[in-house]
Amino acid sequence: MVYQPPPPATPPPMPSPPTPPRRRTGVVVAIVVGATLLACGALVVVVGGASVLYLRSSEEAGQASGGFDEAAGTWQEQAAAIDGIIDYWSVRPDLVEERRHSPGPVDYDVLPPVAGQHHPTWQNCQGDIYDAPIANEHAVHSLEHGAVWITYRPDLPADQVATLAGHVEGTEKLFMSPFPEQDAPISLQAWGYQLQVDDADDSRIADFIRVLRVNASLEGPTATCGGGVTTTGTVPVG
């Protein structure tokens, strides 16, 4: 009997190459035309080094502002329908797009101011009623946060001042103060918008507040009005 050697052992299978870990990607590319941003109320902010598009729906804005009627159109359309309102987004886009912080005095060419450079600290705007002029630089920062600022000439009759205070007192994102340099007896400011009226009983005052309080904010509906400056005086502090 002839000796037969055993067959060679079958080599073990080659191990499969390790599966590379799945790369988690979350890249969102947004191409946004500036005009569309303004029309939709969008805001680009930087969070953790990345640009984030904050797009505020009209429903969200309406809920935040209280009393805003979405069925009547966008807040921009409703603002445009207020007789006598000045829309600086249309007539002075250079003014409303300027929002840098400046620690010192700012020379505003629209008075009372509606936008522009402003102090890093805002004026407290939680239904605050100031009985003396305040610094424009703090007030403009409050407008950026979505507040409506009501100003009046110091010679406005006391009963009319009281009527204005009735709109403001205890209401978040509203504040008022005298403003000696203004031409009209009463003026209302939101970021990029202004309305001047002669009488505190003018129904457009309530319309302006209803449509533009919170909605005109550049910081979104959650921007705070608390923790700001509460002192009076026309020179910015802090």
C-alpha atoms as a PDB file:
ATOM      1  CA  MET A   1       0.000   0.000   0.000  1.00  0.00           C
ATOM      2  CA  VAL A   2       1.462   3.292  -1.055  1.00  0.00           C
ATOM      3  CA  TYR A   3       1.446   6.037   1.595  1.00  0.00           C
ATOM      4  CA  GLN A   4      -0.677   9.038   0.661  1.00  0.00           C
ATOM      5  CA  PRO A   5       0.120  12.273   2.556  1.00  0.00           C
ATOM      6  CA  PRO A   6      -2.886  14.151   3.963  1.00  0.00           C
ATOM      7  CA  PRO A   7      -4.218  17.005   1.860  1.00  0.00           C
ATOM      8  CA  PRO A   8      -2.850  20.415   2.769  1.00  0.00           C
ATOM      9  CA  ALA A   9      -4.862  22.310   5.372  1.00  0.00           C
ATOM     10  CA  THR A  10      -7.253  24.889   3.989  1.00  0.00           C
ATOM     11  CA  PRO A  11      -5.962  28.341   4.938  1.00  0.00           C
ATOM     12  CA  PRO A  12      -8.313  30.335   7.139  1.00  0.00           C
ATOM     13  CA  PRO A  13     -10.343  32.960   5.306  1.00  0.00           C
ATOM     14  CA  MET A  14      -8.866  36.420   5.171  1.00  0.00           C
ATOM     15  CA  PRO A  15     -10.606  38.750   7.606  1.00  0.00           C
ATOM     16  CA  SER A  16     -12.877  41.299   6.012  1.00  0.00           C
ATOM     17  CA  PRO A  17     -11.551  44.831   6.118  1.00  0.00           C
ATOM     18  CA  PRO A  18     -13.091  46.792   8.982  1.00  0.00           C
ATOM     19  CA  THR A  19     -16.108  48.838   8.058  1.00  0.00           C
ATOM     20  CA  PRO A  20     -15.175  52.491   8.272  1.00  0.00           C
ATOM     21  CA  PRO A  21     -17.267  54.411  10.768  1.00  0.00           C
ATOM     22  CA  ARG A  22     -20.185  56.157   9.230  1.00  0.00           C
ATOM     23  CA  ARG A  23     -19.493  59.812   8.825  1.00  0.00           C
ATOM     24  CA  ARG A  24     -22.278  61.914  10.170  1.00  0.00           C
ATOM     25  CA  THR A  25     -22.754  64.933   8.026  1.00  0.00           C
ATOM     26  CA  GLY A  26     -25.135  67.724   8.591  1.00  0.00           C
ATOM     27  CA  VAL A  27     -24.332  70.365   6.087  1.00  0.00           C
ATOM     28  CA  VAL A  28     -27.089  72.705   5.182  1.00  0.00           C
ATOM     29  CA  VAL A  29     -26.485  75.091   2.363  1.00  0.00           C
ATOM     30  CA  ALA A  30     -28.825  78.036   2.240  1.00  0.00           C
ATOM     31  CA  ILE A  31     -28.791  80.444  -0.659  1.00  0.00           C
ATOM     32  CA  VAL A  32     -30.795  83.386   0.458  1.00  0.00           C
ATOM     33  CA  VAL A  33     -31.441  86.533  -1.510  1.00  0.00           C
ATOM     34  CA  GLY A  34     -31.323  89.593   0.701  1.00  0.00           C
ATOM     35  CA  ALA A  35     -34.687  90.874  -0.434  1.00  0.00           C
ATOM     36  CA  THR A  36     -36.282  87.562   0.424  1.00  0.00           C
ATOM     37  CA  LEU A  37     -34.751  87.689   3.887  1.00  0.00           C
ATOM     38  CA  LEU A  38     -36.326  91.030   4.572  1.00  0.00           C
ATOM     39  CA  ALA A  39     -39.691  90.004   3.202  1.00  0.00           C
ATOM     40  CA  CYS A  40     -39.867  86.827   5.254  1.00  0.00           C
ATOM     41  CA  GLY A  41     -38.435  88.186   8.495  1.00  0.00           C
ATOM     42  CA  ALA A  42     -35.382  85.915   8.395  1.00  0.00           C
ATOM     43  CA  LEU A  43     -32.250  86.421  10.425  1.00  0.00           C
ATOM     44  CA  VAL A  44     -28.827  84.816  10.106  1.00  0.00           C
ATOM     45  CA  VAL A  45     -27.063  84.369  13.428  1.00  0.00           C
ATOM     46  CA  VAL A  46     -23.803  82.685  14.375  1.00  0.00           C
ATOM     47  CA  VAL A  47     -24.016  79.739  16.765  1.00  0.00           C
ATOM     48  CA  GLY A  48     -20.842  77.852  17.646  1.00  0.00           C
ATOM     49  CA  GLY A  49     -19.057  79.244  14.628  1.00  0.00           C
ATOM     50  CA  ALA A  50     -21.723  78.177  12.154  1.00  0.00           C
ATOM     51  CA  SER A  51     -24.257  80.346  10.400  1.00  0.00           C
ATOM     52  CA  VAL A  52     -27.821  79.470  11.244  1.00  0.00           C
ATOM     53  CA  LEU A  53     -30.801  80.807   9.362  1.00  0.00           C
ATOM     54  CA  TYR A  54     -33.516  81.912  11.744  1.00  0.00           C
ATOM     55  CA  LEU A  55     -36.756  82.188   9.806  1.00  0.00           C
ATOM     56  CA  ARG A  56     -39.630  83.487  11.851  1.00  0.00           C
ATOM     57  CA  SER A  57     -43.025  82.366  10.653  1.00  0.00           C
ATOM     58  CA  SER A  58     -45.858  84.846  10.737  1.00  0.00           C
ATOM     59  CA  GLU A  59     -47.705  82.498  13.091  1.00  0.00           C
ATOM     60  CA  GLU A  60     -44.816  82.468  15.569  1.00  0.00           C
ATOM     61  CA  ALA A  61     -44.473  86.225  15.399  1.00  0.00           C
ATOM     62  CA  GLY A  62     -48.191  86.707  15.856  1.00  0.00           C
ATOM     63  CA  GLN A  63     -48.326  84.484  18.911  1.00  0.00           C
ATOM     64  CA  ALA A  64     -45.423  86.358  20.467  1.00  0.00           C
ATOM     65  CA  SER A  65     -46.800  89.828  19.806  1.00  0.00           C
ATOM     66  CA  GLY A  66     -50.285  89.204  21.146  1.00  0.00           C
ATOM     67  CA  GLY A  67     -53.266  90.432  19.150  1.00  0.00           C
ATOM     68  CA  PHE A  68     -51.554  90.175  15.766  1.00  0.00           C
ATOM     69  CA  ASP A  69     -54.023  88.868  13.185  1.00  0.00           C
ATOM     70  CA  GLU A  70     -52.243  86.597  10.712  1.00  0.00           C
ATOM     71  CA  ALA A  71     -55.373  86.311   8.574  1.00  0.00           C
ATOM     72  CA  ALA A  72     -55.077  90.003   7.691  1.00  0.00           C
ATOM     73  CA  GLY A  73     -51.738  89.442   5.918  1.00  0.00           C
ATOM     74  CA  THR A  74     -48.090  89.466   6.871  1.00  0.00           C
ATOM     75  CA  TRP A  75     -47.002  91.935   9.494  1.00  0.00           C
ATOM     76  CA  GLN A  76     -45.088  93.856   6.829  1.00  0.00           C
ATOM     77  CA  GLU A  77     -48.275  94.191   4.762  1.00  0.00           C
ATOM     78  CA  GLN A  78     -50.252  95.289   7.792  1.00  0.00           C
ATOM     79  CA  ALA A  79     -47.584  97.822   8.715  1.00  0.00           C
ATOM     80  CA  ALA A  80     -47.683  99.260   5.204  1.00  0.00           C
ATOM     81  CA  ALA A  81     -51.447  99.722   5.568  1.00  0.00           C
ATOM     82  CA  ILE A  82     -51.075 102.052   8.581  1.00  0.00           C
ATOM     83  CA  ASP A  83     -51.696 105.545   7.267  1.00  0.00           C
ATOM     84  CA  GLY A  84     -48.675 107.817   7.644  1.00  0.00           C
ATOM     85  CA  ILE A  85     -46.167 105.151   8.675  1.00  0.00           C
ATOM     86  CA  ILE A  86     -42.588 105.570   7.450  1.00  0.00           C
ATOM     87  CA  ASP A  87     -40.928 102.327   6.373  1.00  0.00           C
ATOM     88  CA  TYR A  88     -37.192 102.944   6.567  1.00  0.00           C
ATOM     89  CA  TRP A  89     -36.500  99.463   5.204  1.00  0.00           C
ATOM     90  CA  SER A  90     -37.748 100.889   1.907  1.00  0.00           C
ATOM     91  CA  VAL A  91     -36.559 104.488   2.028  1.00  0.00           C
ATOM     92  CA  ARG A  92     -33.299 104.097   4.014  1.00  0.00           C
ATOM     93  CA  PRO A  93     -32.056 100.498   3.860  1.00  0.00           C
ATOM     94  CA  ASP A  94     -28.551 101.727   4.705  1.00  0.00           C
ATOM     95  CA  LEU A  95     -29.890 103.006   8.011  1.00  0.00           C
ATOM     96  CA  VAL A  96     -31.768  99.915   9.156  1.00  0.00           C
ATOM     97  CA  GLU A  97     -29.062  97.469   8.111  1.00  0.00           C
ATOM     98  CA  GLU A  98     -26.511  99.197  10.375  1.00  0.00           C
ATOM     99  CA  ARG A  99     -26.607  97.533  13.793  1.00  0.00           C
ATOM    100  CA  ARG A 100     -23.077  97.650  15.160  1.00  0.00           C
ATOM    101  CA  HIS A 101     -22.452  98.236  18.846  1.00  0.00           C
ATOM    102  CA  SER A 102     -20.825 101.496  19.846  1.00  0.00           C
ATOM    103  CA  PRO A 103     -20.022 102.251  23.505  1.00  0.00           C
ATOM    104  CA  GLY A 104     -20.108 106.022  23.073  1.00  0.00           C
ATOM    105  CA  PRO A 105     -22.545 108.626  21.777  1.00  0.00           C
ATOM    106  CA  VAL A 106     -24.004 108.125  18.290  1.00  0.00           C
ATOM    107  CA  ASP A 107     -25.068 110.960  15.981  1.00  0.00           C
ATOM    108  CA  TYR A 108     -28.468 109.903  14.605  1.00  0.00           C
ATOM    109  CA  ASP A 109     -29.823 111.675  11.543  1.00  0.00           C
ATOM    110  CA  VAL A 110     -33.405 110.515  12.198  1.00  0.00           C
ATOM    111  CA  LEU A 111     -34.940 111.716  15.457  1.00  0.00           C
ATOM    112  CA  PRO A 112     -36.271 109.985  17.388  1.00  0.00           C
ATOM    113  CA  PRO A 113     -33.984 107.273  16.008  1.00  0.00           C
ATOM    114  CA  VAL A 114     -35.404 104.091  14.503  1.00  0.00           C
ATOM    115  CA  ALA A 115     -32.261 102.036  13.822  1.00  0.00           C
ATOM    116  CA  GLY A 116     -28.502 102.210  13.478  1.00  0.00           C
ATOM    117  CA  GLN A 117     -25.475 101.813  15.692  1.00  0.00           C
ATOM    118  CA  HIS A 118     -26.331 101.544  19.364  1.00  0.00           C
ATOM    119  CA  HIS A 119     -24.935 100.914  22.824  1.00  0.00           C
ATOM    120  CA  PRO A 120     -24.212  97.297  23.831  1.00  0.00           C
ATOM    121  CA  THR A 121     -26.731  97.668  26.685  1.00  0.00           C
ATOM    122  CA  TRP A 122     -30.405  98.198  25.941  1.00  0.00           C
ATOM    123  CA  GLN A 123     -32.935 100.333  27.791  1.00  0.00           C
ATOM    124  CA  ASN A 124     -35.220  98.249  29.965  1.00  0.00           C
ATOM    125  CA  CYS A 125     -38.444  97.845  27.996  1.00  0.00           C
ATOM    126  CA  GLN A 126     -40.865  95.831  30.090  1.00  0.00           C
ATOM    127  CA  GLY A 127     -43.661  98.357  30.129  1.00  0.00           C
ATOM    128  CA  ASP A 128     -41.288 100.979  31.546  1.00  0.00           C
ATOM    129  CA  ILE A 129     -42.503 104.577  31.725  1.00  0.00           C
ATOM    130  CA  TYR A 130     -39.633 107.064  31.957  1.00  0.00           C
ATOM    131  CA  ASP A 131     -40.496 110.585  33.077  1.00  0.00           C
ATOM    132  CA  ALA A 132     -37.323 112.129  31.651  1.00  0.00           C
ATOM    133  CA  PRO A 133     -35.420 111.741  28.369  1.00  0.00           C
ATOM    134  CA  ILE A 134     -33.305 108.614  27.947  1.00  0.00           C
ATOM    135  CA  ALA A 135     -30.196 107.885  25.881  1.00  0.00           C
ATOM    136  CA  ASN A 136     -30.972 107.213  22.232  1.00  0.00           C
ATOM    137  CA  GLU A 137     -28.194 104.641  22.110  1.00  0.00           C
ATOM    138  CA  HIS A 138     -29.860 102.430  24.727  1.00  0.00           C
ATOM    139  CA  ALA A 139     -33.322 102.917  23.239  1.00  0.00           C
ATOM    140  CA  VAL A 140     -32.250 101.851  19.749  1.00  0.00           C
ATOM    141  CA  HIS A 141     -30.850  98.616  21.169  1.00  0.00           C
ATOM    142  CA  SER A 142     -34.294  97.970  22.661  1.00  0.00           C
ATOM    143  CA  LEU A 143     -35.832  98.446  19.214  1.00  0.00           C
ATOM    144  CA  GLU A 144     -33.470  95.788  17.891  1.00  0.00           C
ATOM    145  CA  HIS A 145     -34.958  93.436  20.503  1.00  0.00           C
ATOM    146  CA  GLY A 146     -38.465  94.048  19.176  1.00  0.00           C
ATOM    147  CA  ALA A 147     -39.657  96.817  21.475  1.00  0.00           C
ATOM    148  CA  VAL A 148     -41.854  99.742  20.489  1.00  0.00           C
ATOM    149  CA  TRP A 149     -40.690 103.064  21.894  1.00  0.00           C
ATOM    150  CA  ILE A 150     -43.301 105.784  22.346  1.00  0.00           C
ATOM    151  CA  THR A 151     -41.942 109.305  22.648  1.00  0.00           C
ATOM    152  CA  TYR A 152     -43.736 112.584  23.241  1.00  0.00           C
ATOM    153  CA  ARG A 153     -42.963 116.257  23.523  1.00  0.00           C
ATOM    154  CA  PRO A 154     -42.633 117.464  27.117  1.00  0.00           C
ATOM    155  CA  ASP A 155     -45.477 119.957  26.545  1.00  0.00           C
ATOM    156  CA  LEU A 156     -47.976 117.189  25.763  1.00  0.00           C
ATOM    157  CA  PRO A 157     -50.976 117.591  28.121  1.00  0.00           C
ATOM    158  CA  ALA A 158     -50.882 115.352  31.173  1.00  0.00           C
ATOM    159  CA  ASP A 159     -54.088 113.539  30.248  1.00  0.00           C
ATOM    160  CA  GLN A 160     -52.577 112.560  26.898  1.00  0.00           C
ATOM    161  CA  VAL A 161     -49.394 111.345  28.576  1.00  0.00           C
ATOM    162  CA  ALA A 162     -51.592 109.208  30.821  1.00  0.00           C
ATOM    163  CA  THR A 163     -53.373 107.773  27.777  1.00  0.00           C
ATOM    164  CA  LEU A 164     -50.030 106.785  26.257  1.00  0.00           C
ATOM    165  CA  ALA A 165     -48.978 105.242  29.548  1.00  0.00           C
ATOM    166  CA  GLY A 166     -52.102 103.103  29.400  1.00  0.00           C
ATOM    167  CA  HIS A 167     -50.741 101.468  26.248  1.00  0.00           C
ATOM    168  CA  VAL A 168     -47.340 100.853  27.811  1.00  0.00           C
ATOM    169  CA  GLU A 169     -47.612 100.053  31.494  1.00  0.00           C
ATOM    170  CA  GLY A 170     -47.036  96.400  32.319  1.00  0.00           C
ATOM    171  CA  THR A 171     -46.621  95.313  28.691  1.00  0.00           C
ATOM    172  CA  GLU A 172     -43.449  93.531  27.621  1.00  0.00           C
ATOM    173  CA  LYS A 173     -41.472  95.199  24.823  1.00  0.00           C
ATOM    174  CA  LEU A 174     -43.025  98.622  25.269  1.00  0.00           C
ATOM    175  CA  PHE A 175     -41.483 101.715  26.843  1.00  0.00           C
ATOM    176  CA  MET A 176     -42.008 105.458  26.649  1.00  0.00           C
ATOM    177  CA  SER A 177     -40.184 108.672  27.431  1.00  0.00           C
ATOM    178  CA  PRO A 178     -40.317 112.392  26.642  1.00  0.00           C
ATOM    179  CA  PHE A 179     -38.288 113.540  23.642  1.00  0.00           C
ATOM    180  CA  PRO A 180     -37.854 117.331  23.464  1.00  0.00           C
ATOM    181  CA  GLU A 181     -36.297 117.410  19.977  1.00  0.00           C
ATOM    182  CA  GLN A 182     -39.138 115.760  18.050  1.00  0.00           C
ATOM    183  CA  ASP A 183     -41.480 117.778  15.835  1.00  0.00           C
ATOM    184  CA  ALA A 184     -44.723 115.833  16.298  1.00  0.00           C
ATOM    185  CA  PRO A 185     -46.493 115.737  19.664  1.00  0.00           C
ATOM    186  CA  ILE A 186     -46.232 111.920  19.702  1.00  0.00           C
ATOM    187  CA  SER A 187     -43.956 109.533  17.818  1.00  0.00           C
ATOM    188  CA  LEU A 188     -43.769 105.737  17.784  1.00  0.00           C
ATOM    189  CA  GLN A 189     -40.622 103.821  16.832  1.00  0.00           C
ATOM    190  CA  ALA A 190     -39.944 100.174  16.016  1.00  0.00           C
ATOM    191  CA  TRP A 191     -36.798  98.952  14.280  1.00  0.00           C
ATOM    192  CA  GLY A 192     -37.049 100.469  10.801  1.00  0.00           C
ATOM    193  CA  TYR A 193     -40.488 102.035  11.284  1.00  0.00           C
ATOM    194  CA  GLN A 194     -41.887 105.297  12.602  1.00  0.00           C
ATOM    195  CA  LEU A 195     -45.328 106.845  13.002  1.00  0.00           C
ATOM    196  CA  GLN A 196     -45.988 110.410  14.142  1.00  0.00           C
ATOM    197  CA  VAL A 197     -49.396 111.487  15.415  1.00  0.00           C
ATOM    198  CA  ASP A 198     -50.935 114.544  17.039  1.00  0.00           C
ATOM    199  CA  ASP A 199     -53.245 112.972  19.596  1.00  0.00           C
ATOM    200  CA  ALA A 200     -52.931 110.137  22.116  1.00  0.00           C
ATOM    201  CA  ASP A 201     -56.404 108.889  21.171  1.00  0.00           C
ATOM    202  CA  ASP A 202     -55.351 108.240  17.564  1.00  0.00           C
ATOM    203  CA  SER A 203     -56.312 104.627  16.749  1.00  0.00           C
ATOM    204  CA  ARG A 204     -53.144 104.174  14.710  1.00  0.00           C
ATOM    205  CA  ILE A 205     -51.152 104.020  17.944  1.00  0.00           C
ATOM    206  CA  ALA A 206     -52.760 100.703  18.865  1.00  0.00           C
ATOM    207  CA  ASP A 207     -52.348  99.469  15.275  1.00  0.00           C
ATOM    208  CA  PHE A 208     -48.635 100.263  15.290  1.00  0.00           C
ATOM    209  CA  ILE A 209     -48.126  98.457  18.599  1.00  0.00           C
ATOM    210  CA  ARG A 210     -50.196  95.438  17.564  1.00  0.00           C
ATOM    211  CA  VAL A 211     -48.384  94.960  14.262  1.00  0.00           C
ATOM    212  CA  LEU A 212     -44.792  95.916  15.075  1.00  0.00           C
ATOM    213  CA  ARG A 213     -44.189  95.024  18.714  1.00  0.00           C
ATOM    214  CA  VAL A 214     -42.006  91.873  18.636  1.00  0.00           C
ATOM    215  CA  ASN A 215     -42.501  91.456  14.879  1.00  0.00           C
ATOM    216  CA  ALA A 216     -39.961  94.134  13.915  1.00  0.00           C
ATOM    217  CA  SER A 217     -37.273  92.506  16.073  1.00  0.00           C
ATOM    218  CA  LEU A 218     -33.921  91.612  14.537  1.00  0.00           C
ATOM    219  CA  GLU A 219     -33.199  89.208  17.387  1.00  0.00           C
ATOM    220  CA  GLY A 220     -36.292  87.005  17.256  1.00  0.00           C
ATOM    221  CA  PRO A 221     -39.298  86.866  19.565  1.00  0.00           C
ATOM    222  CA  THR A 222     -37.319  85.626  22.579  1.00  0.00           C
ATOM    223  CA  ALA A 223     -34.946  88.612  22.741  1.00  0.00           C
ATOM    224  CA  THR A 224     -35.094  89.973  26.261  1.00  0.00           C
ATOM    225  CA  CYS A 225     -36.205  93.398  27.399  1.00  0.00           C
ATOM    226  CA  GLY A 226     -35.253  92.833  31.027  1.00  0.00           C
ATOM    227  CA  GLY A 227     -31.896  93.493  32.613  1.00  0.00           C
ATOM    228  CA  GLY A 228     -31.358  96.734  30.734  1.00  0.00           C
ATOM    229  CA  VAL A 229     -30.557 100.271  31.793  1.00  0.00           C
ATOM    230  CA  THR A 230     -33.303 101.852  33.888  1.00  0.00           C
ATOM    231  CA  THR A 231     -31.753 105.266  34.438  1.00  0.00           C
ATOM    232  CA  THR A 232     -32.691 108.427  32.569  1.00  0.00           C
ATOM    233  CA  GLY A 233     -30.343 110.909  30.955  1.00  0.00           C
ATOM    234  CA  THR A 234     -29.278 111.397  27.360  1.00  0.00           C
ATOM    235  CA  VAL A 235     -25.684 110.197  27.781  1.00  0.00           C
ATOM    236  CA  PRO A 236     -25.261 106.412  27.430  1.00  0.00           C
ATOM    237  CA  VAL A 237     -23.987 104.630  30.532  1.00  0.00           C
ATOM    238  CA  GLY A 238     -22.061 101.418  31.108  1.00  0.00           C
END
